[in-house]
Every structure is written in C-alpha cells, then in structure tokens.
ModelCIF file with pLDDT and N, C-alpha, C, O atoms, coordinates in Angstrom:
data_MODEL
#
_entry.id   MODEL 
#
_entity.id                         1 
_entity.type                       polymer 
_entity.pdbx_number_of_molecules   1 
#
_entity_poly.entity_id                      1 
_entity_poly.type                           'polypeptide(L)' 
_entity_poly.nstd_linkage                   no 
_entity_poly.nstd_monomer                   no 
_entity_poly.pdbx_seq_one_letter_code       MNKINYNYIFNFEINYYFFRSLVLSVILIFL 
_entity_poly.pdbx_seq_one_letter_code_can   MNKINYNYIFNFEINYYFFRSLVLSVILIFL 
_entity_poly.pdbx_strand_id                 A 
#
loop_
_entity_poly_seq.entity_id 
_entity_poly_seq.num 
_entity_poly_seq.mon_id 
_entity_poly_seq.hetero 
1 1  MET n 
1 2  ASN n 
1 3  LYS n 
1 4  ILE n 
1 5  ASN n 
1 6  TYR n 
1 7  ASN n 
1 8  TYR n 
1 9  ILE n 
1 10 PHE n 
1 11 ASN n 
1 12 PHE n 
1 13 GLU n 
1 14 ILE n 
1 15 ASN n 
1 16 TYR n 
1 17 TYR n 
1 18 PHE n 
1 19 PHE n 
1 20 ARG n 
1 21 SER n 
1 22 LEU n 
1 23 VAL n 
1 24 LEU n 
1 25 SER n 
1 26 VAL n 
1 27 ILE n 
1 28 LEU n 
1 29 ILE n 
1 30 PHE n 
1 31 LEU n 
#
_struct_asym.id          A 
_struct_asym.entity_id   1 
#
loop_
_ma_qa_metric.id 
_ma_qa_metric.mode 
_ma_qa_metric.name 
_ma_qa_metric.software_group_id 
_ma_qa_metric.type 
1 global pLDDT . pLDDT 
2 local  pLDDT . pLDDT 
#
_ma_qa_metric_global.metric_id      1 
_ma_qa_metric_global.metric_value   37.90 
_ma_qa_metric_global.model_id       1 
_ma_qa_metric_global.ordinal_id     1 
#
loop_
_ma_qa_metric_local.label_asym_id 
_ma_qa_metric_local.label_comp_id 
_ma_qa_metric_local.label_seq_id 
_ma_qa_metric_local.metric_id 
_ma_qa_metric_local.metric_value 
_ma_qa_metric_local.model_id 
_ma_qa_metric_local.ordinal_id 
A MET 1  2 35.00 1 1  
A ASN 2  2 38.00 1 2  
A LYS 3  2 37.00 1 3  
A ILE 4  2 34.00 1 4  
A ASN 5  2 38.00 1 5  
A TYR 6  2 33.00 1 6  
A ASN 7  2 39.00 1 7  
A TYR 8  2 33.00 1 8  
A ILE 9  2 32.00 1 9  
A PHE 10 2 33.00 1 10 
A ASN 11 2 39.00 1 11 
A PHE 12 2 34.00 1 12 
A GLU 13 2 40.00 1 13 
A ILE 14 2 36.00 1 14 
A ASN 15 2 41.00 1 15 
A TYR 16 2 38.00 1 16 
A TYR 17 2 39.00 1 17 
A PHE 18 2 41.00 1 18 
A PHE 19 2 39.00 1 19 
A ARG 20 2 45.00 1 20 
A SER 21 2 44.00 1 21 
A LEU 22 2 38.00 1 22 
A VAL 23 2 35.00 1 23 
A LEU 24 2 39.00 1 24 
A SER 25 2 44.00 1 25 
A VAL 26 2 37.00 1 26 
A ILE 27 2 36.00 1 27 
A LEU 28 2 37.00 1 28 
A ILE 29 2 40.00 1 29 
A PHE 30 2 42.00 1 30 
A LEU 31 2 39.00 1 31 
#
loop_
_atom_site.group_PDB 
_atom_site.id 
_atom_site.type_symbol 
_atom_site.label_atom_id 
_atom_site.label_alt_id 
_atom_site.label_comp_id 
_atom_site.label_asym_id 
_atom_site.label_entity_id 
_atom_site.label_seq_id 
_atom_site.pdbx_PDB_ins_code 
_atom_site.Cartn_x 
_atom_site.Cartn_y 
_atom_site.Cartn_z 
_atom_site.occupancy 
_atom_site.B_iso_or_equiv 
_atom_site.pdbx_formal_charge 
_atom_site.auth_seq_id 
_atom_site.auth_comp_id 
_atom_site.auth_asym_id 
_atom_site.auth_atom_id 
_atom_site.pdbx_PDB_model_num 
ATOM 1   N N  . MET A 1 1  ? 93.786  110.274 144.839 1.00 35.00 ? 1  MET A N  1 
ATOM 2   C CA . MET A 1 1  ? 93.454  111.676 144.542 1.00 35.00 ? 1  MET A CA 1 
ATOM 3   C C  . MET A 1 1  ? 93.445  112.732 145.695 1.00 35.00 ? 1  MET A C  1 
ATOM 4   O O  . MET A 1 1  ? 94.197  113.685 145.897 1.00 35.00 ? 1  MET A O  1 
ATOM 5   N N  . ASN A 1 2  ? 92.552  112.351 146.267 1.00 38.00 ? 2  ASN A N  1 
ATOM 6   C CA . ASN A 1 2  ? 92.442  113.773 147.368 1.00 38.00 ? 2  ASN A CA 1 
ATOM 7   C C  . ASN A 1 2  ? 93.600  113.752 148.202 1.00 38.00 ? 2  ASN A C  1 
ATOM 8   O O  . ASN A 1 2  ? 93.745  114.715 148.955 1.00 38.00 ? 2  ASN A O  1 
ATOM 9   N N  . LYS A 1 3  ? 94.439  112.857 148.216 1.00 37.00 ? 3  LYS A N  1 
ATOM 10  C CA . LYS A 1 3  ? 95.776  112.833 148.779 1.00 37.00 ? 3  LYS A CA 1 
ATOM 11  C C  . LYS A 1 3  ? 96.582  113.821 148.090 1.00 37.00 ? 3  LYS A C  1 
ATOM 12  O O  . LYS A 1 3  ? 97.136  114.761 148.660 1.00 37.00 ? 3  LYS A O  1 
ATOM 13  N N  . ILE A 1 4  ? 96.631  113.581 146.848 1.00 34.00 ? 4  ILE A N  1 
ATOM 14  C CA . ILE A 1 4  ? 97.718  114.234 145.967 1.00 34.00 ? 4  ILE A CA 1 
ATOM 15  C C  . ILE A 1 4  ? 96.941  115.720 146.218 1.00 34.00 ? 4  ILE A C  1 
ATOM 16  O O  . ILE A 1 4  ? 97.694  116.599 146.638 1.00 34.00 ? 4  ILE A O  1 
ATOM 17  N N  . ASN A 1 5  ? 96.103  115.948 146.095 1.00 38.00 ? 5  ASN A N  1 
ATOM 18  C CA . ASN A 1 5  ? 95.581  117.121 145.988 1.00 38.00 ? 5  ASN A CA 1 
ATOM 19  C C  . ASN A 1 5  ? 95.855  118.046 147.228 1.00 38.00 ? 5  ASN A C  1 
ATOM 20  O O  . ASN A 1 5  ? 95.992  119.269 147.226 1.00 38.00 ? 5  ASN A O  1 
ATOM 21  N N  . TYR A 1 6  ? 95.901  117.209 148.242 1.00 33.00 ? 6  TYR A N  1 
ATOM 22  C CA . TYR A 1 6  ? 96.100  117.957 149.473 1.00 33.00 ? 6  TYR A CA 1 
ATOM 23  C C  . TYR A 1 6  ? 97.393  118.044 149.649 1.00 33.00 ? 6  TYR A C  1 
ATOM 24  O O  . TYR A 1 6  ? 97.688  119.041 150.306 1.00 33.00 ? 6  TYR A O  1 
ATOM 25  N N  . ASN A 1 7  ? 98.303  117.390 149.321 1.00 39.00 ? 7  ASN A N  1 
ATOM 26  C CA . ASN A 1 7  ? 99.580  117.496 149.133 1.00 39.00 ? 7  ASN A CA 1 
ATOM 27  C C  . ASN A 1 7  ? 100.050 118.870 148.092 1.00 39.00 ? 7  ASN A C  1 
ATOM 28  O O  . ASN A 1 7  ? 100.845 119.720 148.492 1.00 39.00 ? 7  ASN A O  1 
ATOM 29  N N  . TYR A 1 8  ? 99.549  118.903 147.007 1.00 33.00 ? 8  TYR A N  1 
ATOM 30  C CA . TYR A 1 8  ? 99.862  119.973 146.315 1.00 33.00 ? 8  TYR A CA 1 
ATOM 31  C C  . TYR A 1 8  ? 99.251  121.276 146.990 1.00 33.00 ? 8  TYR A C  1 
ATOM 32  O O  . TYR A 1 8  ? 99.928  122.303 147.045 1.00 33.00 ? 8  TYR A O  1 
ATOM 33  N N  . ILE A 1 9  ? 98.294  121.235 147.370 1.00 32.00 ? 9  ILE A N  1 
ATOM 34  C CA . ILE A 1 9  ? 97.728  122.627 148.293 1.00 32.00 ? 9  ILE A CA 1 
ATOM 35  C C  . ILE A 1 9  ? 98.833  122.899 149.159 1.00 32.00 ? 9  ILE A C  1 
ATOM 36  O O  . ILE A 1 9  ? 99.450  123.962 149.229 1.00 32.00 ? 9  ILE A O  1 
ATOM 37  N N  . PHE A 1 10 ? 99.048  121.779 149.862 1.00 33.00 ? 10 PHE A N  1 
ATOM 38  C CA . PHE A 1 10 ? 100.002 122.049 151.280 1.00 33.00 ? 10 PHE A CA 1 
ATOM 39  C C  . PHE A 1 10 ? 101.367 122.530 150.719 1.00 33.00 ? 10 PHE A C  1 
ATOM 40  O O  . PHE A 1 10 ? 101.999 123.432 151.268 1.00 33.00 ? 10 PHE A O  1 
ATOM 41  N N  . ASN A 1 11 ? 101.725 121.997 149.786 1.00 39.00 ? 11 ASN A N  1 
ATOM 42  C CA . ASN A 1 11 ? 103.103 122.875 148.864 1.00 39.00 ? 11 ASN A CA 1 
ATOM 43  C C  . ASN A 1 11 ? 102.936 124.200 148.808 1.00 39.00 ? 11 ASN A C  1 
ATOM 44  O O  . ASN A 1 11 ? 103.612 125.099 149.308 1.00 39.00 ? 11 ASN A O  1 
ATOM 45  N N  . PHE A 1 12 ? 101.768 124.242 148.014 1.00 34.00 ? 12 PHE A N  1 
ATOM 46  C CA . PHE A 1 12 ? 101.778 125.474 147.487 1.00 34.00 ? 12 PHE A CA 1 
ATOM 47  C C  . PHE A 1 12 ? 101.467 126.597 148.240 1.00 34.00 ? 12 PHE A C  1 
ATOM 48  O O  . PHE A 1 12 ? 101.691 127.754 147.883 1.00 34.00 ? 12 PHE A O  1 
ATOM 49  N N  . GLU A 1 13 ? 100.840 126.182 149.509 1.00 40.00 ? 13 GLU A N  1 
ATOM 50  C CA . GLU A 1 13 ? 100.818 127.357 150.772 1.00 40.00 ? 13 GLU A CA 1 
ATOM 51  C C  . GLU A 1 13 ? 102.238 127.340 151.333 1.00 40.00 ? 13 GLU A C  1 
ATOM 52  O O  . GLU A 1 13 ? 102.674 128.435 151.690 1.00 40.00 ? 13 GLU A O  1 
ATOM 53  N N  . ILE A 1 14 ? 103.023 126.283 151.466 1.00 36.00 ? 14 ILE A N  1 
ATOM 54  C CA . ILE A 1 14 ? 104.458 126.662 152.033 1.00 36.00 ? 14 ILE A CA 1 
ATOM 55  C C  . ILE A 1 14 ? 105.058 127.714 151.129 1.00 36.00 ? 14 ILE A C  1 
ATOM 56  O O  . ILE A 1 14 ? 105.426 128.815 151.537 1.00 36.00 ? 14 ILE A O  1 
ATOM 57  N N  . ASN A 1 15 ? 105.154 127.186 149.510 1.00 41.00 ? 15 ASN A N  1 
ATOM 58  C CA . ASN A 1 15 ? 105.693 128.117 148.685 1.00 41.00 ? 15 ASN A CA 1 
ATOM 59  C C  . ASN A 1 15 ? 105.307 129.304 148.552 1.00 41.00 ? 15 ASN A C  1 
ATOM 60  O O  . ASN A 1 15 ? 106.119 130.163 148.209 1.00 41.00 ? 15 ASN A O  1 
ATOM 61  N N  . TYR A 1 16 ? 103.841 129.650 148.821 1.00 38.00 ? 16 TYR A N  1 
ATOM 62  C CA . TYR A 1 16 ? 103.605 130.875 148.716 1.00 38.00 ? 16 TYR A CA 1 
ATOM 63  C C  . TYR A 1 16 ? 104.058 131.818 149.976 1.00 38.00 ? 16 TYR A C  1 
ATOM 64  O O  . TYR A 1 16 ? 104.364 133.008 149.909 1.00 38.00 ? 16 TYR A O  1 
ATOM 65  N N  . TYR A 1 17 ? 104.033 131.179 150.872 1.00 39.00 ? 17 TYR A N  1 
ATOM 66  C CA . TYR A 1 17 ? 104.254 132.005 152.367 1.00 39.00 ? 17 TYR A CA 1 
ATOM 67  C C  . TYR A 1 17 ? 105.817 132.114 152.256 1.00 39.00 ? 17 TYR A C  1 
ATOM 68  O O  . TYR A 1 17 ? 106.325 133.149 152.688 1.00 39.00 ? 17 TYR A O  1 
ATOM 69  N N  . PHE A 1 18 ? 106.565 131.221 151.761 1.00 41.00 ? 18 PHE A N  1 
ATOM 70  C CA . PHE A 1 18 ? 108.444 131.078 151.662 1.00 41.00 ? 18 PHE A CA 1 
ATOM 71  C C  . PHE A 1 18 ? 108.457 132.594 150.573 1.00 41.00 ? 18 PHE A C  1 
ATOM 72  O O  . PHE A 1 18 ? 109.164 133.570 150.822 1.00 41.00 ? 18 PHE A O  1 
ATOM 73  N N  . PHE A 1 19 ? 107.765 132.522 149.685 1.00 39.00 ? 19 PHE A N  1 
ATOM 74  C CA . PHE A 1 19 ? 108.223 133.649 148.323 1.00 39.00 ? 19 PHE A CA 1 
ATOM 75  C C  . PHE A 1 19 ? 107.524 134.722 148.999 1.00 39.00 ? 19 PHE A C  1 
ATOM 76  O O  . PHE A 1 19 ? 108.196 135.751 148.927 1.00 39.00 ? 19 PHE A O  1 
ATOM 77  N N  . ARG A 1 20 ? 106.423 134.888 149.636 1.00 45.00 ? 20 ARG A N  1 
ATOM 78  C CA . ARG A 1 20 ? 106.083 136.246 150.223 1.00 45.00 ? 20 ARG A CA 1 
ATOM 79  C C  . ARG A 1 20 ? 107.263 136.623 151.193 1.00 45.00 ? 20 ARG A C  1 
ATOM 80  O O  . ARG A 1 20 ? 107.636 137.793 151.268 1.00 45.00 ? 20 ARG A O  1 
ATOM 81  N N  . SER A 1 21 ? 107.889 135.550 151.988 1.00 44.00 ? 21 SER A N  1 
ATOM 82  C CA . SER A 1 21 ? 108.667 136.171 152.851 1.00 44.00 ? 21 SER A CA 1 
ATOM 83  C C  . SER A 1 21 ? 109.735 136.800 152.261 1.00 44.00 ? 21 SER A C  1 
ATOM 84  O O  . SER A 1 21 ? 110.124 137.930 152.556 1.00 44.00 ? 21 SER A O  1 
ATOM 85  N N  . LEU A 1 22 ? 110.295 135.952 151.284 1.00 38.00 ? 22 LEU A N  1 
ATOM 86  C CA . LEU A 1 22 ? 111.212 136.482 150.450 1.00 38.00 ? 22 LEU A CA 1 
ATOM 87  C C  . LEU A 1 22 ? 111.171 137.765 149.639 1.00 38.00 ? 22 LEU A C  1 
ATOM 88  O O  . LEU A 1 22 ? 112.140 138.507 149.480 1.00 38.00 ? 22 LEU A O  1 
ATOM 89  N N  . VAL A 1 23 ? 110.116 137.928 149.206 1.00 35.00 ? 23 VAL A N  1 
ATOM 90  C CA . VAL A 1 23 ? 109.941 139.249 148.649 1.00 35.00 ? 23 VAL A CA 1 
ATOM 91  C C  . VAL A 1 23 ? 109.815 140.650 149.597 1.00 35.00 ? 23 VAL A C  1 
ATOM 92  O O  . VAL A 1 23 ? 110.226 141.786 149.361 1.00 35.00 ? 23 VAL A O  1 
ATOM 93  N N  . LEU A 1 24 ? 109.048 140.085 150.815 1.00 39.00 ? 24 LEU A N  1 
ATOM 94  C CA . LEU A 1 24 ? 109.250 141.189 151.669 1.00 39.00 ? 24 LEU A CA 1 
ATOM 95  C C  . LEU A 1 24 ? 110.543 141.454 152.218 1.00 39.00 ? 24 LEU A C  1 
ATOM 96  O O  . LEU A 1 24 ? 110.980 142.594 152.374 1.00 39.00 ? 24 LEU A O  1 
ATOM 97  N N  . SER A 1 25 ? 111.123 140.465 152.496 1.00 44.00 ? 25 SER A N  1 
ATOM 98  C CA . SER A 1 25 ? 112.875 140.860 152.557 1.00 44.00 ? 25 SER A CA 1 
ATOM 99  C C  . SER A 1 25 ? 113.602 141.470 151.582 1.00 44.00 ? 25 SER A C  1 
ATOM 100 O O  . SER A 1 25 ? 114.623 142.119 151.804 1.00 44.00 ? 25 SER A O  1 
ATOM 101 N N  . VAL A 1 26 ? 113.158 141.303 150.603 1.00 37.00 ? 26 VAL A N  1 
ATOM 102 C CA . VAL A 1 26 ? 113.871 141.905 149.355 1.00 37.00 ? 26 VAL A CA 1 
ATOM 103 C C  . VAL A 1 26 ? 113.447 143.404 149.564 1.00 37.00 ? 26 VAL A C  1 
ATOM 104 O O  . VAL A 1 26 ? 114.188 144.381 149.666 1.00 37.00 ? 26 VAL A O  1 
ATOM 105 N N  . ILE A 1 27 ? 112.172 143.353 149.600 1.00 36.00 ? 27 ILE A N  1 
ATOM 106 C CA . ILE A 1 27 ? 111.413 144.920 149.851 1.00 36.00 ? 27 ILE A CA 1 
ATOM 107 C C  . ILE A 1 27 ? 112.216 145.543 151.093 1.00 36.00 ? 27 ILE A C  1 
ATOM 108 O O  . ILE A 1 27 ? 112.784 146.629 150.978 1.00 36.00 ? 27 ILE A O  1 
ATOM 109 N N  . LEU A 1 28 ? 112.230 144.973 152.012 1.00 37.00 ? 28 LEU A N  1 
ATOM 110 C CA . LEU A 1 28 ? 112.827 145.725 153.035 1.00 37.00 ? 28 LEU A CA 1 
ATOM 111 C C  . LEU A 1 28 ? 114.126 146.185 152.841 1.00 37.00 ? 28 LEU A C  1 
ATOM 112 O O  . LEU A 1 28 ? 114.590 147.253 153.241 1.00 37.00 ? 28 LEU A O  1 
ATOM 113 N N  . ILE A 1 29 ? 114.778 145.165 152.096 1.00 40.00 ? 29 ILE A N  1 
ATOM 114 C CA . ILE A 1 29 ? 116.079 145.275 151.951 1.00 40.00 ? 29 ILE A CA 1 
ATOM 115 C C  . ILE A 1 29 ? 116.352 146.683 151.047 1.00 40.00 ? 29 ILE A C  1 
ATOM 116 O O  . ILE A 1 29 ? 117.334 147.422 151.109 1.00 40.00 ? 29 ILE A O  1 
ATOM 117 N N  . PHE A 1 30 ? 115.505 146.769 150.440 1.00 42.00 ? 30 PHE A N  1 
ATOM 118 C CA . PHE A 1 30 ? 115.539 148.101 149.182 1.00 42.00 ? 30 PHE A CA 1 
ATOM 119 C C  . PHE A 1 30 ? 115.167 149.011 149.960 1.00 42.00 ? 30 PHE A C  1 
ATOM 120 O O  . PHE A 1 30 ? 115.800 150.063 149.866 1.00 42.00 ? 30 PHE A O  1 
ATOM 121 N N  . LEU A 1 31 ? 114.252 148.959 150.791 1.00 39.00 ? 31 LEU A N  1 
ATOM 122 C CA . LEU A 1 31 ? 113.846 150.077 151.433 1.00 39.00 ? 31 LEU A CA 1 
ATOM 123 C C  . LEU A 1 31 ? 114.666 150.605 152.306 1.00 39.00 ? 31 LEU A C  1 
ATOM 124 O O  . LEU A 1 31 ? 114.343 151.624 152.918 1.00 39.00 ? 31 LEU A O  1 
#
C-alpha cells in the first residue's frame, strides 16, 4: 500500500513538473 502510494506520488510529481515545463514553454513561445 505504501509502495503504491509512493509510486503514485512520484509519478504525479514527475507529470506535474513536465506539465509545468510544457506550459511554460508554450507561454514563452506565445510571448
């Protein structure tokens, strides 16, 4: 249970940072 939770949290953080980078890139390109 804890292992699954940690993987989920880890994957979420990776996706968050990736998404944030993507959004920032789009914003920069737009700007």
